[in-house]
Amino acid sequence: MNGIEKNLKKIRLLKNISLKEASKLLGMSVNAISKYEKGEIVPNSKKIIEFANAYNVKTIDLIKVYKLPKMKFTSLEKVHRYID
């Protein structure tokens, strides 16, 4: 998975576009759009532009992959300090 599939679905849902509406906007089947959103099909540059135009977003919004830094969590124990 490259992250594009997550962005395709996230943006479609944020824009309140159903799969059926997206199908009409893009001129492709609901099944095909679903495969793009699941990562079963990777869109080429032309398809990315088509999705961006249909969803009225910038292409970078579809291809940008957000990586969260790895974080190390420790327990929050009270530290007692005694002052002499």
N, C-alpha and C. Protein backbone atom coordinates (compact mmCIF):
# COMPACT_ATOMS: atom_id res chain seq x y z
N MET A 1 0.84 -1.19 0.00
CA MET A 1 0.00 0.00 0.00
C MET A 1 0.88 1.25 0.00
N ASN A 2 0.45 2.24 -0.71
CA ASN A 2 1.26 3.45 -0.84
C ASN A 2 0.63 4.67 -0.20
N GLY A 3 -0.52 4.55 0.38
CA GLY A 3 -1.17 5.68 1.04
C GLY A 3 -2.19 6.39 0.17
N ILE A 4 -2.04 6.28 -1.14
CA ILE A 4 -2.99 6.94 -2.04
C ILE A 4 -4.39 6.40 -1.82
N GLU A 5 -4.49 5.08 -1.64
CA GLU A 5 -5.82 4.47 -1.47
C GLU A 5 -6.55 5.05 -0.26
N LYS A 6 -5.82 5.28 0.82
CA LYS A 6 -6.44 5.86 2.02
C LYS A 6 -6.89 7.29 1.75
N ASN A 7 -6.06 8.04 1.03
CA ASN A 7 -6.41 9.42 0.71
C ASN A 7 -7.62 9.50 -0.22
N LEU A 8 -7.69 8.59 -1.17
CA LEU A 8 -8.85 8.58 -2.09
C LEU A 8 -10.15 8.41 -1.32
N LYS A 9 -10.16 7.46 -0.41
CA LYS A 9 -11.39 7.21 0.35
C LYS A 9 -11.67 8.34 1.34
N LYS A 10 -10.62 8.78 2.04
CA LYS A 10 -10.78 9.83 3.04
C LYS A 10 -11.34 11.10 2.41
N ILE A 11 -10.77 11.52 1.29
CA ILE A 11 -11.22 12.75 0.64
C ILE A 11 -12.63 12.59 0.11
N ARG A 12 -12.93 11.42 -0.48
CA ARG A 12 -14.29 11.20 -0.98
C ARG A 12 -15.31 11.31 0.15
N LEU A 13 -14.98 10.71 1.29
CA LEU A 13 -15.90 10.77 2.43
C LEU A 13 -16.00 12.17 3.02
N LEU A 14 -14.86 12.87 3.09
CA LEU A 14 -14.88 14.25 3.61
C LEU A 14 -15.72 15.17 2.72
N LYS A 15 -15.74 14.88 1.43
CA LYS A 15 -16.53 15.69 0.49
C LYS A 15 -17.98 15.21 0.41
N ASN A 16 -18.32 14.20 1.23
CA ASN A 16 -19.68 13.63 1.24
C ASN A 16 -20.10 13.13 -0.14
N ILE A 17 -19.18 12.45 -0.81
CA ILE A 17 -19.46 11.89 -2.13
C ILE A 17 -19.61 10.37 -1.95
N SER A 18 -20.74 9.85 -2.36
CA SER A 18 -20.95 8.40 -2.27
C SER A 18 -20.18 7.71 -3.40
N LEU A 19 -20.03 6.40 -3.28
CA LEU A 19 -19.37 5.65 -4.35
C LEU A 19 -20.14 5.80 -5.66
N LYS A 20 -21.46 5.81 -5.57
CA LYS A 20 -22.29 5.94 -6.76
C LYS A 20 -22.08 7.31 -7.43
N GLU A 21 -22.02 8.37 -6.60
CA GLU A 21 -21.78 9.72 -7.13
C GLU A 21 -20.38 9.81 -7.74
N ALA A 22 -19.40 9.22 -7.06
CA ALA A 22 -18.03 9.22 -7.58
C ALA A 22 -17.97 8.49 -8.91
N SER A 23 -18.74 7.42 -9.02
CA SER A 23 -18.81 6.65 -10.25
C SER A 23 -19.27 7.52 -11.42
N LYS A 24 -20.27 8.33 -11.16
CA LYS A 24 -20.79 9.23 -12.21
C LYS A 24 -19.78 10.33 -12.53
N LEU A 25 -19.15 10.88 -11.50
CA LEU A 25 -18.17 11.96 -11.71
C LEU A 25 -16.96 11.48 -12.51
N LEU A 26 -16.53 10.26 -12.23
CA LEU A 26 -15.31 9.74 -12.84
C LEU A 26 -15.55 8.91 -14.10
N GLY A 27 -16.80 8.53 -14.33
CA GLY A 27 -17.10 7.71 -15.49
C GLY A 27 -16.51 6.31 -15.39
N MET A 28 -16.50 5.77 -14.20
CA MET A 28 -16.03 4.40 -14.00
C MET A 28 -16.96 3.69 -13.03
N SER A 29 -16.84 2.40 -12.95
CA SER A 29 -17.75 1.62 -12.11
C SER A 29 -17.45 1.82 -10.62
N VAL A 30 -18.47 1.56 -9.82
CA VAL A 30 -18.32 1.61 -8.36
C VAL A 30 -17.27 0.59 -7.94
N ASN A 31 -17.27 -0.55 -8.58
CA ASN A 31 -16.31 -1.61 -8.28
C ASN A 31 -14.87 -1.15 -8.52
N ALA A 32 -14.65 -0.43 -9.61
CA ALA A 32 -13.31 0.06 -9.92
C ALA A 32 -12.84 1.08 -8.87
N ILE A 33 -13.72 1.99 -8.50
CA ILE A 33 -13.37 2.99 -7.49
C ILE A 33 -13.06 2.30 -6.17
N SER A 34 -13.85 1.32 -5.82
CA SER A 34 -13.63 0.56 -4.60
C SER A 34 -12.25 -0.12 -4.62
N LYS A 35 -11.87 -0.65 -5.77
CA LYS A 35 -10.55 -1.29 -5.89
C LYS A 35 -9.42 -0.28 -5.73
N TYR A 36 -9.59 0.92 -6.26
CA TYR A 36 -8.59 1.96 -6.06
C TYR A 36 -8.48 2.30 -4.57
N GLU A 37 -9.62 2.41 -3.90
CA GLU A 37 -9.63 2.77 -2.48
C GLU A 37 -9.08 1.66 -1.58
N LYS A 38 -9.14 0.43 -2.04
CA LYS A 38 -8.60 -0.70 -1.27
C LYS A 38 -7.13 -0.95 -1.59
N GLY A 39 -6.61 -0.29 -2.61
CA GLY A 39 -5.22 -0.49 -3.00
C GLY A 39 -5.02 -1.67 -3.91
N GLU A 40 -6.11 -2.25 -4.41
CA GLU A 40 -6.01 -3.38 -5.33
C GLU A 40 -5.55 -2.92 -6.71
N ILE A 41 -5.86 -1.66 -7.04
CA ILE A 41 -5.39 -1.02 -8.28
C ILE A 41 -4.68 0.26 -7.86
N VAL A 42 -3.49 0.47 -8.40
CA VAL A 42 -2.75 1.71 -8.13
C VAL A 42 -2.99 2.67 -9.28
N PRO A 43 -3.50 3.86 -8.99
CA PRO A 43 -3.79 4.80 -10.08
C PRO A 43 -2.52 5.36 -10.72
N ASN A 44 -2.54 5.49 -12.03
CA ASN A 44 -1.42 6.15 -12.71
C ASN A 44 -1.63 7.66 -12.60
N SER A 45 -0.70 8.42 -13.12
CA SER A 45 -0.77 9.88 -12.97
C SER A 45 -2.04 10.47 -13.60
N LYS A 46 -2.47 9.91 -14.72
CA LYS A 46 -3.69 10.41 -15.37
C LYS A 46 -4.91 10.20 -14.47
N LYS A 47 -5.01 9.01 -13.86
CA LYS A 47 -6.13 8.71 -12.97
C LYS A 47 -6.10 9.59 -11.72
N ILE A 48 -4.92 9.86 -11.20
CA ILE A 48 -4.80 10.72 -10.02
C ILE A 48 -5.35 12.11 -10.34
N ILE A 49 -5.01 12.61 -11.51
CA ILE A 49 -5.53 13.92 -11.93
C ILE A 49 -7.04 13.88 -12.09
N GLU A 50 -7.56 12.78 -12.65
CA GLU A 50 -9.02 12.64 -12.79
C GLU A 50 -9.71 12.63 -11.44
N PHE A 51 -9.15 11.88 -10.48
CA PHE A 51 -9.73 11.86 -9.13
C PHE A 51 -9.67 13.26 -8.51
N ALA A 52 -8.54 13.93 -8.65
CA ALA A 52 -8.39 15.26 -8.06
C ALA A 52 -9.41 16.23 -8.65
N ASN A 53 -9.59 16.19 -9.95
CA ASN A 53 -10.57 17.08 -10.59
C ASN A 53 -11.99 16.75 -10.16
N ALA A 54 -12.31 15.47 -10.09
CA ALA A 54 -13.66 15.05 -9.70
C ALA A 54 -13.98 15.45 -8.26
N TYR A 55 -12.97 15.35 -7.38
CA TYR A 55 -13.17 15.66 -5.96
C TYR A 55 -12.84 17.11 -5.63
N ASN A 56 -12.41 17.87 -6.64
CA ASN A 56 -12.07 19.28 -6.49
C ASN A 56 -11.01 19.51 -5.41
N VAL A 57 -9.91 18.74 -5.53
CA VAL A 57 -8.77 18.89 -4.62
C VAL A 57 -7.49 18.94 -5.46
N LYS A 58 -6.39 19.28 -4.82
CA LYS A 58 -5.10 19.28 -5.50
C LYS A 58 -4.58 17.85 -5.56
N THR A 59 -3.83 17.55 -6.61
CA THR A 59 -3.29 16.20 -6.75
C THR A 59 -2.38 15.83 -5.57
N ILE A 60 -1.68 16.80 -5.03
CA ILE A 60 -0.79 16.53 -3.89
C ILE A 60 -1.58 16.00 -2.70
N ASP A 61 -2.84 16.42 -2.57
CA ASP A 61 -3.68 15.93 -1.47
C ASP A 61 -3.96 14.44 -1.59
N LEU A 62 -3.91 13.92 -2.80
CA LEU A 62 -4.15 12.50 -3.01
C LEU A 62 -2.89 11.66 -2.85
N ILE A 63 -1.74 12.24 -3.19
CA ILE A 63 -0.51 11.43 -3.16
C ILE A 63 0.34 11.63 -1.91
N LYS A 64 0.01 12.64 -1.14
CA LYS A 64 0.80 12.91 0.06
C LYS A 64 0.60 11.80 1.08
N VAL A 65 1.70 11.29 1.60
CA VAL A 65 1.65 10.24 2.62
C VAL A 65 2.10 10.86 3.93
N TYR A 66 1.25 10.76 4.90
CA TYR A 66 1.56 11.31 6.21
C TYR A 66 2.11 10.20 7.09
N LYS A 67 3.32 10.39 7.55
CA LYS A 67 3.91 9.41 8.44
C LYS A 67 4.06 10.04 9.82
N LEU A 68 3.58 9.34 10.78
CA LEU A 68 3.72 9.82 12.14
C LEU A 68 5.04 9.33 12.72
N PRO A 69 5.70 10.17 13.47
CA PRO A 69 6.96 9.72 14.06
C PRO A 69 6.71 8.61 15.08
N LYS A 70 7.68 7.72 15.17
CA LYS A 70 7.56 6.68 16.18
C LYS A 70 7.77 7.32 17.54
N MET A 71 6.90 6.97 18.45
CA MET A 71 6.97 7.57 19.77
C MET A 71 7.13 6.46 20.81
N LYS A 72 7.91 6.75 21.78
CA LYS A 72 8.10 5.80 22.86
C LYS A 72 7.34 6.33 24.07
N PHE A 73 6.48 5.50 24.59
CA PHE A 73 5.69 5.90 25.74
C PHE A 73 6.22 5.21 26.99
N THR A 74 6.29 5.98 28.04
CA THR A 74 6.71 5.42 29.31
C THR A 74 5.59 5.66 30.31
N SER A 75 5.61 4.90 31.34
CA SER A 75 4.55 5.08 32.34
C SER A 75 4.78 6.38 33.10
N LEU A 76 3.71 6.91 33.57
CA LEU A 76 3.79 8.18 34.29
C LEU A 76 3.75 7.90 35.80
N GLU A 77 4.88 7.58 36.31
CA GLU A 77 4.97 7.33 37.74
C GLU A 77 5.44 8.60 38.43
N LYS A 78 4.96 8.78 39.63
CA LYS A 78 5.40 9.94 40.39
C LYS A 78 6.84 9.71 40.84
N VAL A 79 7.61 10.71 40.67
CA VAL A 79 8.98 10.65 41.13
C VAL A 79 9.06 11.40 42.44
N HIS A 80 9.50 10.72 43.44
CA HIS A 80 9.62 11.35 44.76
C HIS A 80 11.05 11.82 44.96
N ARG A 81 11.18 13.06 45.26
CA ARG A 81 12.51 13.61 45.55
C ARG A 81 12.49 14.11 46.98
N TYR A 82 13.48 13.72 47.64
CA TYR A 82 13.62 14.15 49.02
C TYR A 82 14.77 15.14 49.10
N ILE A 83 14.50 16.23 49.75
CA ILE A 83 15.53 17.26 49.92
C ILE A 83 16.03 17.16 51.36
N ASP A 84 17.35 17.03 51.51
CA ASP A 84 17.93 16.97 52.85
C ASP A 84 18.22 18.34 53.36
